[in-house]
Amino acid sequence: MAKVIDFKLSKKLDHIAFIMDGNGRWAKLRGLPRHLGHKKACEKIRGIFECCDDLGIKVVSLYAFSTENWSRPQDEIDHLMDYLEEFLARELPAFISRGAKLLISGDLSRIRPKTRQACLDAVEKTKDGKGAILNICLNYGGRDEIVRAARKLARRVQEGGLEVEDIDEKMFASALWHDLPDVDLMIRTSGESRLSNYLLYQLAYAELLFTPTKWPDFDEDKLIECLKEYEGRNRRYGGLTNE
C-alpha cells in the first residue's frame, strides 16, 4: 500500500526522472557487498513510483543500467540482472492493479536472455495500462539514443518516405526509444552533480536536483522534500516571466 502523503503539486510535472545513485556506497558503509545495495535499491522503486502516481505525475523514468555500466565486474552485473528479474516478478501484479504501463528504453539485445524475456513479458502484460508510465532505462545511453533516432530518420529519407525539411523537434522526439513528454524534474541521489549520459534530449529544460541522500535511503518523504524545492523554482524556458 502506498504511503499517504499530505502534499499536492501546484506546478506542472508530467515527467520525473531519477538517477538512482549511491547503492554501492550505501552497502560499503554498512560493511555489505556492493550488490546488496542494488538489491535494497530495487525495494525502494515501488513506493516512489506509487507516490508519484498518486500525485498525478504521468511518467517516471529510472536509470537502471547504462551503456557504460558494462565496465563493472561481471558478478555485479549478474546480481543487478537477478534483482531486476526479482523486482519484476514481485511488483508486476501491483503495477497491473494500478493500471501502470511499463516501458523499457535501451537496447535489450545485449541483456542476458532470461532478463530480456522478463522485461519483454512485463511490457506485454502492461501494454494496455492507462495509468502512469514506469520507464526503465536499461542498457541505455543518451548519446546512443540520439544517434539511433538520427539513423532512423536518415533511413526514412533515404527510402524516399521523408523530406529532410520535414524533420523538426517533434518528429525527432518521436524517433527516440519512446515518444514521452520532456522531463520536468530530474533527481540524482548520492550527491553527484552530473547527468551521466542520461536522457540528454529530454532534459533540455528540466529542473535538475541533486540530493546527498543515497538511493537506498531515498523514500517518499525525501521525494516530497525534492518536490517542494521544485515547486519553489521559477521555470522561465528562456523567457522573463513565470509559468
Protein backbone atom coordinates (compact mmCIF):
# COMPACT_ATOMS: atom_id res chain seq x y z
CA MET A 1 0.00 0.00 0.00
CA ALA A 2 1.30 3.42 -0.94
CA LYS A 3 2.20 5.77 1.88
CA VAL A 4 -0.37 8.52 2.42
CA ILE A 5 1.25 11.86 1.55
CA ASP A 6 -0.17 15.19 2.70
CA PHE A 7 1.11 17.15 -0.26
CA LYS A 8 -0.27 18.36 -3.61
CA LEU A 9 1.62 19.56 -6.64
CA SER A 10 0.70 23.01 -7.88
CA LYS A 11 3.32 23.22 -10.65
CA LYS A 12 3.25 21.26 -13.92
CA LEU A 13 5.15 18.00 -13.52
CA ASP A 14 4.35 15.40 -16.16
CA HIS A 15 7.67 13.54 -16.23
CA ILE A 16 10.09 12.93 -13.38
CA ALA A 17 13.39 11.13 -13.94
CA PHE A 18 15.71 9.57 -11.38
CA ILE A 19 19.37 8.62 -11.42
CA MET A 20 19.38 6.02 -8.65
CA ASP A 21 22.93 6.60 -7.45
CA GLY A 22 24.82 5.55 -4.32
CA ASN A 23 23.78 1.93 -3.97
CA GLY A 24 27.29 0.51 -3.75
CA ARG A 25 28.45 3.21 -1.36
CA TRP A 26 25.37 2.64 0.81
CA ALA A 27 26.31 -1.04 1.11
CA LYS A 28 30.00 -0.33 1.75
CA LEU A 29 29.16 1.99 4.64
CA ARG A 30 27.33 -0.93 6.24
CA GLY A 31 30.07 -3.47 5.60
CA LEU A 32 27.97 -5.23 2.96
CA PRO A 33 28.90 -6.35 -0.56
CA ARG A 34 28.05 -3.76 -3.22
CA HIS A 35 25.41 -5.89 -4.85
CA LEU A 36 23.22 -5.82 -1.72
CA GLY A 37 22.98 -2.07 -2.20
CA HIS A 38 21.40 -2.74 -5.60
CA LYS A 39 19.02 -5.22 -4.01
CA LYS A 40 17.92 -2.59 -1.48
CA ALA A 41 17.59 -0.05 -4.29
CA CYS A 42 15.07 -2.23 -6.13
CA GLU A 43 12.97 -2.42 -2.97
CA LYS A 44 12.55 1.39 -3.00
CA ILE A 45 11.15 1.69 -6.51
CA ARG A 46 7.52 0.73 -5.98
CA GLY A 47 6.97 3.18 -3.12
CA ILE A 48 8.50 6.07 -5.08
CA PHE A 49 6.52 5.18 -8.21
CA GLU A 50 3.23 4.91 -6.32
CA CYS A 51 3.84 8.24 -4.61
CA CYS A 52 4.49 9.88 -7.99
CA ASP A 53 1.38 8.23 -9.42
CA ASP A 54 -0.77 9.42 -6.52
CA LEU A 55 0.50 12.97 -7.11
CA GLY A 56 -0.59 12.83 -10.75
CA ILE A 57 2.86 12.53 -12.31
CA LYS A 58 2.33 10.77 -15.64
CA VAL A 59 5.82 9.36 -16.35
CA VAL A 60 8.52 8.10 -14.00
CA SER A 61 11.88 7.25 -15.61
CA LEU A 62 14.57 5.27 -13.81
CA TYR A 63 18.20 4.92 -14.86
CA ALA A 64 18.66 1.21 -14.14
CA PHE A 65 21.74 0.33 -16.22
CA SER A 66 23.75 2.49 -18.59
CA THR A 67 25.67 1.61 -21.73
CA GLU A 68 28.80 2.40 -19.71
CA ASN A 69 27.93 0.05 -16.83
CA TRP A 70 29.24 -2.95 -18.77
CA SER A 71 32.69 -1.97 -17.49
CA ARG A 72 31.66 -3.11 -13.99
CA PRO A 73 32.67 -6.54 -12.65
CA GLN A 74 30.63 -9.34 -14.22
CA ASP A 75 29.39 -10.66 -10.87
CA GLU A 76 27.95 -7.24 -10.03
CA ILE A 77 26.24 -7.10 -13.42
CA ASP A 78 24.81 -10.58 -12.85
CA HIS A 79 23.43 -9.54 -9.46
CA LEU A 80 21.90 -6.41 -11.00
CA MET A 81 20.07 -8.53 -13.56
CA ASP A 82 18.97 -11.00 -10.86
CA TYR A 83 17.48 -8.18 -8.82
CA LEU A 84 15.73 -6.70 -11.85
CA GLU A 85 14.09 -10.06 -12.55
CA GLU A 86 13.06 -10.38 -8.89
CA PHE A 87 11.69 -6.84 -8.92
CA LEU A 88 9.53 -7.51 -11.97
CA ALA A 89 8.24 -10.81 -10.62
CA ARG A 90 7.45 -9.31 -7.22
CA GLU A 91 5.96 -5.96 -8.21
CA LEU A 92 4.29 -6.59 -11.56
CA PRO A 93 0.90 -7.57 -10.05
CA ALA A 94 0.81 -4.28 -8.11
CA PHE A 95 1.66 -2.29 -11.22
CA ILE A 96 -1.03 -4.09 -13.21
CA SER A 97 -3.63 -3.45 -10.49
CA ARG A 98 -2.79 0.27 -10.69
CA GLY A 99 -3.14 0.30 -14.45
CA ALA A 100 0.50 1.24 -14.82
CA LYS A 101 2.33 0.80 -18.11
CA LEU A 102 5.94 -0.39 -18.13
CA LEU A 103 8.32 0.65 -20.89
CA ILE A 104 11.96 -0.20 -21.49
CA SER A 105 14.25 2.41 -23.02
CA GLY A 106 17.51 0.95 -24.26
CA ASP A 107 18.99 -1.83 -26.34
CA LEU A 108 17.91 -5.17 -24.89
CA SER A 109 19.91 -7.21 -27.40
CA ARG A 110 22.95 -7.28 -25.10
CA ILE A 111 20.94 -8.10 -21.96
CA ARG A 112 21.10 -11.78 -20.98
CA PRO A 113 18.16 -13.78 -22.42
CA LYS A 114 16.39 -14.53 -19.12
CA THR A 115 16.36 -10.89 -18.02
CA ARG A 116 15.44 -9.69 -21.51
CA GLN A 117 12.45 -12.02 -21.59
CA ALA A 118 11.31 -10.88 -18.14
CA CYS A 119 11.38 -7.28 -19.40
CA LEU A 120 9.50 -8.10 -22.60
CA ASP A 121 6.87 -10.04 -20.65
CA ALA A 122 6.35 -7.11 -18.26
CA VAL A 123 5.96 -4.70 -21.17
CA GLU A 124 3.48 -7.02 -22.87
CA LYS A 125 1.39 -7.58 -19.73
CA THR A 126 1.08 -3.84 -19.06
CA LYS A 127 0.77 -2.56 -22.63
CA ASP A 128 -2.90 -1.64 -22.19
CA GLY A 129 -2.32 0.23 -18.94
CA LYS A 130 -3.95 3.66 -18.86
CA GLY A 131 -2.25 4.89 -15.69
CA ALA A 132 1.20 6.26 -15.01
CA ILE A 133 4.15 5.06 -17.07
CA LEU A 134 7.23 3.48 -15.50
CA ASN A 135 10.06 3.90 -17.99
CA ILE A 136 13.04 1.71 -17.10
CA CYS A 137 16.23 2.80 -18.86
CA LEU A 138 18.22 -0.40 -19.33
CA ASN A 139 21.44 -0.62 -21.34
CA TYR A 140 20.60 3.00 -22.08
CA GLY A 141 22.76 5.92 -23.17
CA GLY A 142 21.55 9.38 -24.12
CA ARG A 143 24.01 9.83 -26.97
CA ASP A 144 23.25 6.34 -28.25
CA GLU A 145 19.54 7.15 -28.26
CA ILE A 146 20.10 10.36 -30.25
CA VAL A 147 22.33 8.59 -32.79
CA ARG A 148 19.74 5.81 -33.22
CA ALA A 149 16.99 8.39 -33.78
CA ALA A 150 19.12 10.19 -36.38
CA ARG A 151 19.78 6.92 -38.20
CA LYS A 152 16.09 6.02 -38.14
CA LEU A 153 15.11 9.33 -39.74
CA ALA A 154 18.02 9.15 -42.20
CA ARG A 155 16.81 5.75 -43.40
CA ARG A 156 13.33 7.17 -43.97
CA VAL A 157 14.81 9.99 -46.04
CA GLN A 158 16.99 7.55 -47.95
CA GLU A 159 13.99 5.36 -48.72
CA GLY A 160 12.05 8.35 -50.01
CA GLY A 161 9.40 8.39 -47.31
CA LEU A 162 10.50 11.62 -45.69
CA GLU A 163 11.82 15.01 -46.75
CA VAL A 164 14.75 16.43 -44.81
CA GLU A 165 12.92 19.74 -44.45
CA ASP A 166 10.07 17.97 -42.64
CA ILE A 167 12.27 16.89 -39.75
CA ASP A 168 11.58 19.09 -36.74
CA GLU A 169 11.96 18.70 -32.97
CA LYS A 170 8.61 16.93 -32.59
CA MET A 171 9.46 14.39 -35.27
CA PHE A 172 12.91 13.82 -33.84
CA ALA A 173 11.41 13.19 -30.39
CA SER A 174 9.08 10.60 -31.90
CA ALA A 175 12.11 8.69 -33.20
CA LEU A 176 13.60 8.23 -29.73
CA TRP A 177 13.07 4.99 -27.81
CA HIS A 178 9.64 6.26 -26.73
CA ASP A 179 7.75 9.44 -27.52
CA LEU A 180 7.33 10.70 -23.94
CA PRO A 181 6.84 14.19 -22.52
CA ASP A 182 10.01 16.14 -21.85
CA VAL A 183 11.40 15.67 -18.35
CA ASP A 184 10.24 18.38 -15.93
CA LEU A 185 12.38 17.34 -12.97
CA MET A 186 15.48 15.15 -12.79
CA ILE A 187 16.64 13.97 -9.37
CA ARG A 188 20.04 12.37 -8.82
CA THR A 189 20.76 10.84 -5.45
CA SER A 190 24.06 10.43 -3.55
CA GLY A 191 25.45 13.92 -4.13
CA GLU A 192 26.96 13.52 -7.59
CA SER A 193 26.24 16.53 -9.85
CA ARG A 194 26.33 15.24 -13.40
CA LEU A 195 23.94 13.77 -15.98
CA SER A 196 25.98 10.67 -16.87
CA ASN A 197 24.62 10.44 -20.41
CA TYR A 198 21.00 10.25 -19.22
CA LEU A 199 18.00 11.42 -21.27
CA LEU A 200 20.07 14.16 -22.89
CA TYR A 201 17.40 15.19 -25.40
CA GLN A 202 14.51 15.02 -22.93
CA LEU A 203 16.32 17.03 -20.23
CA ALA A 204 16.67 20.20 -22.33
CA TYR A 205 14.59 22.35 -19.96
CA ALA A 206 14.32 20.09 -16.94
CA GLU A 207 14.96 21.31 -13.44
CA LEU A 208 17.94 19.41 -12.01
CA LEU A 209 18.08 18.48 -8.36
CA PHE A 210 21.00 16.72 -6.67
CA THR A 211 20.45 15.30 -3.20
CA PRO A 212 23.13 13.81 -0.93
CA THR A 213 20.75 11.02 0.11
CA LYS A 214 21.79 7.68 -1.33
CA TRP A 215 19.07 5.91 -3.31
CA PRO A 216 18.52 3.05 -0.80
CA ASP A 217 17.68 5.74 1.79
CA PHE A 218 15.54 7.78 -0.60
CA ASP A 219 11.89 7.42 0.37
CA GLU A 220 8.56 9.18 -0.09
CA ASP A 221 9.43 11.85 2.49
CA LYS A 222 12.70 12.63 0.72
CA LEU A 223 10.81 12.78 -2.57
CA ILE A 224 8.37 15.31 -1.14
CA GLU A 225 11.29 17.45 0.05
CA CYS A 226 12.60 17.48 -3.52
CA LEU A 227 9.18 18.29 -4.93
CA LYS A 228 8.81 21.21 -2.54
CA GLU A 229 12.13 22.60 -3.78
CA TYR A 230 10.93 22.10 -7.36
CA GLU A 231 7.72 23.98 -6.55
CA GLY A 232 9.78 26.97 -5.47
CA ARG A 233 11.72 27.23 -8.72
CA ASN A 234 10.85 29.68 -11.46
CA ARG A 235 10.70 27.86 -14.81
CA ARG A 236 11.09 30.53 -17.48
CA TYR A 237 12.04 28.41 -20.54
CA GLY A 238 14.33 31.19 -21.74
CA GLY A 239 11.77 33.94 -21.13
CA LEU A 240 11.42 36.53 -18.39
CA THR A 241 8.04 35.70 -16.89
CA ASN A 242 6.73 32.98 -14.60
CA GLU A 243 4.85 29.95 -15.93
